[in-house]
Amino acid sequence: MLDRDNVQEQDTCVRVSTSPHVLGQIAEPDCAAAVWQRDLMPAFQAWIDNLPPEHLPKARVILRPDAVESAMQQSCEIAGTPEGEERDQLVNDMSHLAQHFAKVIKAGWLRLRLDVVDTNACRKFHMDMIRARLVCTYRGTGTQYGVVQGDGDPTRITTIGAGSPMVMRGTLWPTEPDSGLRHRSPPIEGTGEVRLLLVLDPVEGPDAA
């Protein structure tokens, strides 16, 4: 769930829905981001929240969307992620998100990052220098966003719930005029929190060959 009762008026450039179809609204002219608001199964969430960090899978790879499932299985094997229903759910969900995202933005190749984070990575509010990006936090505090007026940080900050994918436009797919939407990783350094974050970017140009 979003960490706010309602999306504020200033955030109307963000579409939020419990339907996965909302992610396709990123193509609409006045949409800067779209959030598929969902809760993962309680048994799965408890499993992943209690895994030792060294057994959380990691990956940095460029691949076709239909290759994500096998790549994530391999990442789990390398990390020693315990076999079972919950691991299968994680792998299948990442594969599904990759294929859905690729269809939405018409990308034949994706750059996938699966990061285990325990520091203040990307703690400043910013906009990525890419066309679009999908982020989904499976464990820990989710990505935060807000709308800025001019310089500085947003006055209202929304935190995406664990398991809820968000698709955002980057600077290479600009909103005219600038919506002011900016995002950041939540500041967690020193808290002992460990996040598991999936990031998907479209690969364009020579890297996609």
Protein backbone atom coordinates (compact mmCIF):
# COMPACT_ATOMS: atom_id res chain seq x y z
CA MET A 1 0.00 0.00 0.00
CA LEU A 2 1.05 3.58 -0.52
CA ASP A 3 2.17 5.24 2.70
CA ARG A 4 -0.49 7.91 2.49
CA ASP A 5 -4.28 7.80 2.63
CA ASN A 6 -4.72 9.47 -0.73
CA VAL A 7 -2.57 10.70 -3.57
CA GLN A 8 -2.46 14.45 -3.09
CA GLU A 9 -3.76 16.85 -5.72
CA GLN A 10 -0.23 17.87 -6.64
CA ASP A 11 0.54 14.25 -7.60
CA THR A 12 -2.10 13.92 -10.32
CA CYS A 13 0.71 13.09 -12.76
CA VAL A 14 0.95 9.72 -10.97
CA ARG A 15 -1.60 7.03 -11.78
CA VAL A 16 -2.33 4.54 -8.98
CA SER A 17 -4.51 1.44 -9.32
CA THR A 18 -4.87 -2.12 -8.07
CA SER A 19 -4.97 -3.27 -11.71
CA PRO A 20 -1.76 -4.15 -13.58
CA HIS A 21 -3.16 -2.34 -16.60
CA VAL A 22 -2.35 0.97 -14.90
CA LEU A 23 1.30 0.56 -15.90
CA GLY A 24 0.28 1.08 -19.54
CA GLN A 25 -0.94 4.58 -18.70
CA ILE A 26 2.68 5.74 -18.69
CA ALA A 27 2.14 6.40 -22.42
CA GLU A 28 -0.51 9.04 -21.71
CA PRO A 29 0.77 12.62 -22.22
CA ASP A 30 0.06 13.82 -18.67
CA CYS A 31 1.33 10.69 -16.88
CA ALA A 32 4.82 10.84 -15.34
CA ALA A 33 4.54 7.59 -13.37
CA ALA A 34 2.18 4.69 -12.75
CA VAL A 35 1.91 2.47 -9.67
CA TRP A 36 0.35 -0.98 -9.58
CA GLN A 37 -0.72 -1.03 -5.94
CA ARG A 38 -0.70 -4.58 -4.62
CA ASP A 39 0.20 -6.69 -1.60
CA LEU A 40 2.16 -9.90 -2.06
CA MET A 41 1.03 -13.07 -0.29
CA PRO A 42 1.66 -12.84 3.49
CA ALA A 43 3.55 -16.16 3.49
CA PHE A 44 5.83 -14.94 0.72
CA GLN A 45 6.45 -11.59 2.41
CA ALA A 46 7.32 -13.26 5.70
CA TRP A 47 9.68 -15.64 3.88
CA ILE A 48 11.61 -12.96 2.01
CA ASP A 49 11.69 -10.57 4.97
CA ASN A 50 13.36 -13.25 7.09
CA LEU A 51 15.88 -14.59 4.61
CA PRO A 52 19.51 -14.01 5.66
CA PRO A 53 20.79 -11.17 3.44
CA GLU A 54 23.56 -13.35 2.01
CA HIS A 55 20.88 -15.63 0.50
CA LEU A 56 19.04 -12.83 -1.30
CA PRO A 57 19.67 -13.08 -5.07
CA LYS A 58 21.60 -10.38 -6.91
CA ALA A 59 21.94 -9.73 -10.64
CA ARG A 60 23.12 -7.20 -13.21
CA VAL A 61 22.45 -8.37 -16.74
CA ILE A 62 21.15 -7.32 -20.18
CA LEU A 63 18.71 -9.82 -21.64
CA ARG A 64 15.50 -10.40 -23.53
CA PRO A 65 12.34 -10.33 -21.39
CA ASP A 66 11.65 -14.01 -21.97
CA ALA A 67 15.07 -14.91 -20.54
CA VAL A 68 14.44 -13.32 -17.14
CA GLU A 69 13.00 -16.46 -15.54
CA SER A 70 16.03 -18.64 -16.22
CA ALA A 71 18.46 -15.82 -15.29
CA MET A 72 16.72 -15.26 -11.95
CA GLN A 73 16.70 -18.98 -11.20
CA GLN A 74 20.44 -18.97 -11.75
CA SER A 75 20.85 -15.93 -9.48
CA CYS A 76 18.93 -17.73 -6.74
CA GLU A 77 21.14 -20.79 -7.14
CA ILE A 78 24.29 -18.70 -6.83
CA ALA A 79 22.98 -16.92 -3.71
CA GLY A 80 21.79 -20.15 -2.09
CA THR A 81 18.20 -18.90 -1.96
CA PRO A 82 16.21 -21.82 -0.51
CA GLU A 83 14.17 -23.79 -3.02
CA GLY A 84 10.44 -23.91 -2.62
CA GLU A 85 7.15 -22.26 -3.45
CA GLU A 86 8.22 -18.81 -2.29
CA ARG A 87 11.38 -18.77 -4.40
CA ASP A 88 9.32 -19.84 -7.41
CA GLN A 89 6.90 -16.99 -6.70
CA LEU A 90 9.74 -14.48 -6.63
CA VAL A 91 11.23 -15.71 -9.90
CA ASN A 92 7.87 -15.91 -11.64
CA ASP A 93 6.88 -12.44 -10.49
CA MET A 94 10.09 -10.85 -11.75
CA SER A 95 9.67 -12.63 -15.08
CA HIS A 96 6.06 -11.47 -15.37
CA LEU A 97 6.97 -7.85 -14.54
CA ALA A 98 9.79 -7.87 -17.10
CA GLN A 99 7.55 -9.11 -19.89
CA HIS A 100 4.73 -6.73 -18.98
CA PHE A 101 7.09 -3.74 -18.77
CA ALA A 102 8.76 -4.62 -22.07
CA LYS A 103 5.36 -4.80 -23.76
CA VAL A 104 4.26 -1.46 -22.30
CA ILE A 105 7.33 0.44 -23.51
CA LYS A 106 7.97 -1.71 -26.60
CA ALA A 107 11.45 -2.86 -25.62
CA GLY A 108 13.11 -5.96 -27.06
CA TRP A 109 15.91 -5.96 -24.49
CA LEU A 110 16.07 -4.96 -20.84
CA ARG A 111 18.80 -4.03 -18.41
CA LEU A 112 17.97 -5.82 -15.16
CA ARG A 113 19.38 -5.02 -11.74
CA LEU A 114 18.43 -6.99 -8.66
CA ASP A 115 20.13 -5.23 -5.78
CA VAL A 116 20.47 -6.01 -2.09
CA VAL A 117 20.63 -2.55 -0.47
CA ASP A 118 21.56 -1.59 3.09
CA THR A 119 22.85 1.95 2.49
CA ASN A 120 21.46 5.31 1.35
CA ALA A 121 21.70 4.55 -2.37
CA CYS A 122 20.34 7.38 -4.54
CA ARG A 123 19.07 9.22 -1.46
CA LYS A 124 18.60 12.54 -3.28
CA PHE A 125 15.40 13.22 -5.19
CA HIS A 126 16.13 12.98 -8.90
CA MET A 127 14.94 11.96 -12.37
CA ASP A 128 16.78 9.18 -14.20
CA MET A 129 18.58 9.77 -17.49
CA ILE A 130 16.71 6.97 -19.28
CA ARG A 131 13.46 6.67 -21.25
CA ALA A 132 11.55 4.79 -18.59
CA ARG A 133 12.20 2.58 -15.58
CA LEU A 134 10.33 0.00 -13.53
CA VAL A 135 11.18 -0.40 -9.86
CA CYS A 136 9.74 -2.93 -7.43
CA THR A 137 10.88 -3.42 -3.84
CA TYR A 138 10.32 -6.97 -2.63
CA ARG A 139 11.81 -6.47 0.82
CA GLY A 140 12.14 -3.34 2.93
CA THR A 141 11.01 0.23 2.42
CA GLY A 142 9.90 1.06 -1.11
CA THR A 143 10.91 3.86 -3.45
CA GLN A 144 9.78 7.34 -2.43
CA TYR A 145 8.46 10.06 -4.73
CA GLY A 146 7.09 13.57 -4.64
CA VAL A 147 6.49 16.63 -6.79
CA VAL A 148 8.90 19.55 -6.56
CA GLN A 149 8.16 23.18 -7.30
CA GLY A 150 11.35 24.64 -8.74
CA ASP A 151 14.46 23.60 -6.82
CA GLY A 152 14.63 21.63 -3.60
CA ASP A 153 12.86 18.57 -2.28
CA PRO A 154 9.13 17.82 -2.37
CA THR A 155 7.07 18.90 0.62
CA ARG A 156 4.95 15.73 0.47
CA ILE A 157 6.62 12.35 0.09
CA THR A 158 4.89 9.10 -0.84
CA THR A 159 6.47 5.72 -0.10
CA ILE A 160 5.60 2.82 -2.38
CA GLY A 161 4.66 -0.36 -0.52
CA ALA A 162 6.67 -3.55 -0.84
CA GLY A 163 5.59 -5.56 -3.88
CA SER A 164 4.05 -2.62 -5.75
CA PRO A 165 5.75 -1.95 -9.12
CA MET A 166 6.19 1.63 -10.29
CA VAL A 167 6.95 2.71 -13.87
CA MET A 168 8.47 6.18 -14.22
CA ARG A 169 9.43 8.34 -17.15
CA GLY A 170 13.02 9.50 -17.38
CA THR A 171 14.60 12.54 -18.98
CA LEU A 172 14.73 10.81 -22.38
CA TRP A 173 10.93 10.56 -22.36
CA PRO A 174 10.12 14.01 -21.03
CA THR A 175 6.80 15.30 -19.84
CA GLU A 176 6.06 18.72 -21.31
CA PRO A 177 5.89 20.80 -19.26
CA ASP A 178 7.99 19.10 -16.59
CA SER A 179 5.66 17.43 -14.10
CA GLY A 180 8.13 18.03 -11.27
CA LEU A 181 7.97 14.36 -10.27
CA ARG A 182 11.16 13.17 -8.58
CA HIS A 183 12.04 9.97 -6.70
CA ARG A 184 14.70 8.55 -4.40
CA SER A 185 15.72 5.44 -2.51
CA PRO A 186 14.62 5.68 1.13
CA PRO A 187 17.39 6.66 3.58
CA ILE A 188 18.03 3.49 5.61
CA GLU A 189 21.75 3.63 6.41
CA GLY A 190 22.44 2.72 10.03
CA THR A 191 18.99 1.23 10.62
CA GLY A 192 19.94 -2.39 9.92
CA GLU A 193 17.28 -2.60 7.22
CA VAL A 194 18.02 -4.65 4.10
CA ARG A 195 16.10 -4.04 0.89
CA LEU A 196 15.70 -6.23 -2.20
CA LEU A 197 15.08 -4.01 -5.22
CA LEU A 198 14.30 -4.94 -8.82
CA VAL A 199 15.13 -2.30 -11.47
CA LEU A 200 14.28 -2.70 -15.17
CA ASP A 201 15.38 -0.28 -17.93
CA PRO A 202 14.85 -0.57 -21.68
CA VAL A 203 18.05 -1.10 -23.67
CA GLU A 204 18.24 0.90 -26.87
CA GLY A 205 20.92 1.44 -29.49
CA PRO A 206 24.06 -0.71 -29.89
CA ASP A 207 23.68 -2.39 -26.48
CA ALA A 208 20.48 -4.04 -27.67
CA ALA A 209 22.20 -5.92 -30.48
